[in-house]
Amino acid sequence: MYDKLIVRNGEISIKKKNKFEFVNALMRNLRAATKNMQGVKVTKNNNRIELNLADGVDYKEVISKIKNIFGVVTISPAMSG
């Protein structure tokens, strides 16, 4: 099943000098939303944010917790290659 979620952000990607501040704030908000969920790790990979899910983590439950966070535009379930 899916073992990661790819989170795409909106206007954050057009920011210049302070883009990292917005990305870091989004990552903090994602971590806060999933802090009570075992096996969810928020990472940054190139220009996107990924939530890595341990075995047994229900990706639909994670999506329901993060889908309304400001800055999250789309969430795509994915499988590691």
N, C-alpha and C. Protein backbone atom coordinates (compact mmCIF):
# COMPACT_ATOMS: atom_id res chain seq x y z
N MET A 1 0.85 -1.18 0.00
CA MET A 1 0.00 0.00 0.00
C MET A 1 0.89 1.24 0.00
N TYR A 2 0.29 2.37 0.13
CA TYR A 2 1.04 3.63 0.07
C TYR A 2 1.90 3.81 1.32
N ASP A 3 3.13 4.27 1.12
CA ASP A 3 4.01 4.48 2.27
C ASP A 3 4.52 5.92 2.36
N LYS A 4 3.95 6.81 1.54
CA LYS A 4 4.28 8.22 1.66
C LYS A 4 3.18 9.06 1.07
N LEU A 5 3.12 10.30 1.52
CA LEU A 5 2.22 11.29 0.96
C LEU A 5 3.06 12.45 0.47
N ILE A 6 2.81 12.89 -0.75
CA ILE A 6 3.51 14.04 -1.30
C ILE A 6 2.59 15.23 -1.16
N VAL A 7 3.07 16.27 -0.48
CA VAL A 7 2.28 17.47 -0.23
C VAL A 7 2.81 18.59 -1.12
N ARG A 8 1.91 19.14 -1.91
CA ARG A 8 2.28 20.28 -2.75
C ARG A 8 1.68 21.54 -2.14
N ASN A 9 2.48 22.58 -2.17
CA ASN A 9 2.02 23.84 -1.60
C ASN A 9 1.74 24.83 -2.72
N GLY A 10 1.01 25.87 -2.37
CA GLY A 10 0.58 26.83 -3.38
C GLY A 10 1.54 27.98 -3.56
N GLU A 11 1.15 29.12 -3.09
CA GLU A 11 1.91 30.35 -3.32
C GLU A 11 3.26 30.36 -2.63
N ILE A 12 3.49 29.43 -1.74
CA ILE A 12 4.79 29.37 -1.07
C ILE A 12 5.90 29.24 -2.10
N SER A 13 5.62 28.49 -3.16
CA SER A 13 6.66 28.22 -4.14
C SER A 13 7.05 29.44 -4.96
N ILE A 14 6.28 30.53 -4.91
CA ILE A 14 6.65 31.72 -5.67
C ILE A 14 7.38 32.75 -4.82
N LYS A 15 7.53 32.48 -3.55
CA LYS A 15 8.24 33.41 -2.66
C LYS A 15 9.72 33.40 -3.01
N LYS A 16 10.38 34.48 -2.71
CA LYS A 16 11.82 34.58 -3.03
C LYS A 16 12.67 34.38 -1.79
N LYS A 17 13.09 35.50 -1.18
CA LYS A 17 14.06 35.46 -0.09
C LYS A 17 13.59 34.67 1.13
N ASN A 18 12.31 34.79 1.45
CA ASN A 18 11.83 34.16 2.69
C ASN A 18 11.03 32.88 2.45
N LYS A 19 11.22 32.26 1.32
CA LYS A 19 10.50 31.03 0.99
C LYS A 19 10.73 29.96 2.06
N PHE A 20 11.97 29.83 2.53
CA PHE A 20 12.30 28.81 3.52
C PHE A 20 11.49 29.00 4.80
N GLU A 21 11.17 30.24 5.16
CA GLU A 21 10.37 30.49 6.36
C GLU A 21 8.96 29.93 6.19
N PHE A 22 8.38 30.12 5.02
CA PHE A 22 7.05 29.61 4.76
C PHE A 22 7.04 28.09 4.71
N VAL A 23 8.04 27.51 4.07
CA VAL A 23 8.13 26.05 3.98
C VAL A 23 8.33 25.46 5.37
N ASN A 24 9.19 26.07 6.17
CA ASN A 24 9.42 25.58 7.53
C ASN A 24 8.16 25.69 8.39
N ALA A 25 7.40 26.77 8.21
CA ALA A 25 6.14 26.93 8.95
C ALA A 25 5.15 25.84 8.55
N LEU A 26 5.08 25.55 7.27
CA LEU A 26 4.18 24.49 6.80
C LEU A 26 4.62 23.14 7.37
N MET A 27 5.90 22.89 7.38
CA MET A 27 6.39 21.63 7.95
C MET A 27 6.08 21.53 9.44
N ARG A 28 6.23 22.64 10.17
CA ARG A 28 5.87 22.64 11.60
C ARG A 28 4.39 22.34 11.78
N ASN A 29 3.54 22.93 10.94
CA ASN A 29 2.11 22.70 11.04
C ASN A 29 1.75 21.25 10.71
N LEU A 30 2.42 20.67 9.72
CA LEU A 30 2.19 19.27 9.39
C LEU A 30 2.62 18.37 10.54
N ARG A 31 3.76 18.67 11.15
CA ARG A 31 4.24 17.87 12.29
C ARG A 31 3.27 17.99 13.46
N ALA A 32 2.77 19.19 13.71
CA ALA A 32 1.84 19.39 14.82
C ALA A 32 0.54 18.62 14.60
N ALA A 33 0.07 18.59 13.35
CA ALA A 33 -1.18 17.89 13.04
C ALA A 33 -1.04 16.39 13.17
N THR A 34 0.17 15.87 12.99
CA THR A 34 0.38 14.42 13.02
C THR A 34 1.17 13.96 14.25
N LYS A 35 1.36 14.84 15.22
CA LYS A 35 2.24 14.49 16.35
C LYS A 35 1.72 13.32 17.18
N ASN A 36 0.42 13.10 17.22
CA ASN A 36 -0.13 11.99 17.99
C ASN A 36 -0.26 10.71 17.18
N MET A 37 0.26 10.73 15.97
CA MET A 37 0.19 9.55 15.11
C MET A 37 1.56 8.88 15.05
N GLN A 38 1.63 7.66 15.49
CA GLN A 38 2.88 6.91 15.45
C GLN A 38 3.24 6.59 14.00
N GLY A 39 4.50 6.73 13.63
CA GLY A 39 4.96 6.28 12.34
C GLY A 39 4.79 7.27 11.20
N VAL A 40 4.63 8.56 11.50
CA VAL A 40 4.54 9.58 10.46
C VAL A 40 5.73 10.51 10.61
N LYS A 41 6.50 10.65 9.55
CA LYS A 41 7.69 11.51 9.57
C LYS A 41 7.60 12.52 8.42
N VAL A 42 7.71 13.81 8.75
CA VAL A 42 7.64 14.89 7.76
C VAL A 42 9.05 15.23 7.32
N THR A 43 9.29 15.19 6.00
CA THR A 43 10.61 15.53 5.46
C THR A 43 10.45 16.44 4.25
N LYS A 44 11.55 17.09 3.91
CA LYS A 44 11.59 17.93 2.72
C LYS A 44 12.52 17.26 1.72
N ASN A 45 12.02 17.05 0.51
CA ASN A 45 12.79 16.40 -0.53
C ASN A 45 12.77 17.31 -1.75
N ASN A 46 13.90 17.92 -2.05
CA ASN A 46 13.99 18.92 -3.11
C ASN A 46 13.00 20.05 -2.83
N ASN A 47 12.05 20.28 -3.70
CA ASN A 47 11.11 21.38 -3.51
C ASN A 47 9.72 20.91 -3.08
N ARG A 48 9.65 19.72 -2.50
CA ARG A 48 8.35 19.26 -2.03
C ARG A 48 8.48 18.67 -0.64
N ILE A 49 7.35 18.57 0.00
CA ILE A 49 7.29 18.03 1.35
C ILE A 49 6.68 16.64 1.27
N GLU A 50 7.29 15.71 1.97
CA GLU A 50 6.80 14.33 1.98
C GLU A 50 6.52 13.90 3.41
N LEU A 51 5.48 13.13 3.58
CA LEU A 51 5.20 12.49 4.84
C LEU A 51 5.44 11.01 4.64
N ASN A 52 6.45 10.48 5.29
CA ASN A 52 6.79 9.06 5.19
C ASN A 52 5.99 8.31 6.24
N LEU A 53 5.34 7.24 5.79
CA LEU A 53 4.45 6.49 6.66
C LEU A 53 5.00 5.10 6.94
N ALA A 54 5.03 4.75 8.21
CA ALA A 54 5.48 3.42 8.62
C ALA A 54 4.40 2.41 8.28
N ASP A 55 4.77 1.13 8.29
CA ASP A 55 3.80 0.06 8.05
C ASP A 55 2.64 0.18 9.04
N GLY A 56 1.45 0.00 8.53
CA GLY A 56 0.28 0.02 9.39
C GLY A 56 -0.38 1.38 9.56
N VAL A 57 0.26 2.45 9.07
CA VAL A 57 -0.33 3.78 9.19
C VAL A 57 -1.37 3.95 8.08
N ASP A 58 -2.56 4.36 8.46
CA ASP A 58 -3.65 4.56 7.51
C ASP A 58 -3.47 5.91 6.81
N TYR A 59 -3.11 5.88 5.54
CA TYR A 59 -2.84 7.12 4.82
C TYR A 59 -4.07 8.01 4.72
N LYS A 60 -5.26 7.42 4.69
CA LYS A 60 -6.49 8.21 4.62
C LYS A 60 -6.70 9.01 5.90
N GLU A 61 -6.34 8.43 7.02
CA GLU A 61 -6.45 9.14 8.30
C GLU A 61 -5.48 10.31 8.34
N VAL A 62 -4.27 10.11 7.83
CA VAL A 62 -3.29 11.19 7.80
C VAL A 62 -3.79 12.32 6.89
N ILE A 63 -4.31 11.96 5.74
CA ILE A 63 -4.83 12.97 4.82
C ILE A 63 -5.93 13.78 5.49
N SER A 64 -6.81 13.12 6.23
CA SER A 64 -7.90 13.85 6.88
C SER A 64 -7.39 14.84 7.92
N LYS A 65 -6.24 14.54 8.51
CA LYS A 65 -5.67 15.45 9.51
C LYS A 65 -4.94 16.64 8.89
N ILE A 66 -4.42 16.49 7.67
CA ILE A 66 -3.59 17.55 7.10
C ILE A 66 -4.24 18.32 5.95
N LYS A 67 -5.37 17.87 5.46
CA LYS A 67 -5.93 18.44 4.23
C LYS A 67 -6.36 19.90 4.36
N ASN A 68 -6.66 20.36 5.56
CA ASN A 68 -7.12 21.74 5.75
C ASN A 68 -6.05 22.68 6.29
N ILE A 69 -4.81 22.24 6.32
CA ILE A 69 -3.72 23.09 6.79
C ILE A 69 -3.43 24.15 5.74
N PHE A 70 -3.32 25.38 6.19
CA PHE A 70 -3.03 26.49 5.27
C PHE A 70 -1.72 26.22 4.54
N GLY A 71 -1.75 26.35 3.24
CA GLY A 71 -0.57 26.12 2.41
C GLY A 71 -0.59 24.79 1.68
N VAL A 72 -1.40 23.85 2.16
CA VAL A 72 -1.51 22.55 1.49
C VAL A 72 -2.51 22.70 0.34
N VAL A 73 -2.05 22.42 -0.88
CA VAL A 73 -2.92 22.53 -2.04
C VAL A 73 -3.36 21.15 -2.51
N THR A 74 -2.42 20.23 -2.67
CA THR A 74 -2.77 18.86 -3.04
C THR A 74 -1.96 17.87 -2.21
N ILE A 75 -2.53 16.69 -2.05
CA ILE A 75 -1.87 15.59 -1.34
C ILE A 75 -1.99 14.36 -2.23
N SER A 76 -0.84 13.76 -2.53
CA SER A 76 -0.84 12.58 -3.40
C SER A 76 -0.25 11.39 -2.66
N PRO A 77 -1.03 10.32 -2.48
CA PRO A 77 -0.46 9.09 -1.93
C PRO A 77 0.54 8.51 -2.94
N ALA A 78 1.64 7.96 -2.43
CA ALA A 78 2.67 7.40 -3.31
C ALA A 78 3.31 6.19 -2.65
N MET A 79 4.00 5.44 -3.48
CA MET A 79 4.76 4.28 -3.01
C MET A 79 6.24 4.49 -3.32
N SER A 80 7.09 4.13 -2.39
CA SER A 80 8.53 4.24 -2.61
C SER A 80 8.94 3.22 -3.65
N GLY A 81 9.93 3.62 -4.45
CA GLY A 81 10.36 2.72 -5.53
C GLY A 81 11.38 1.79 -5.17
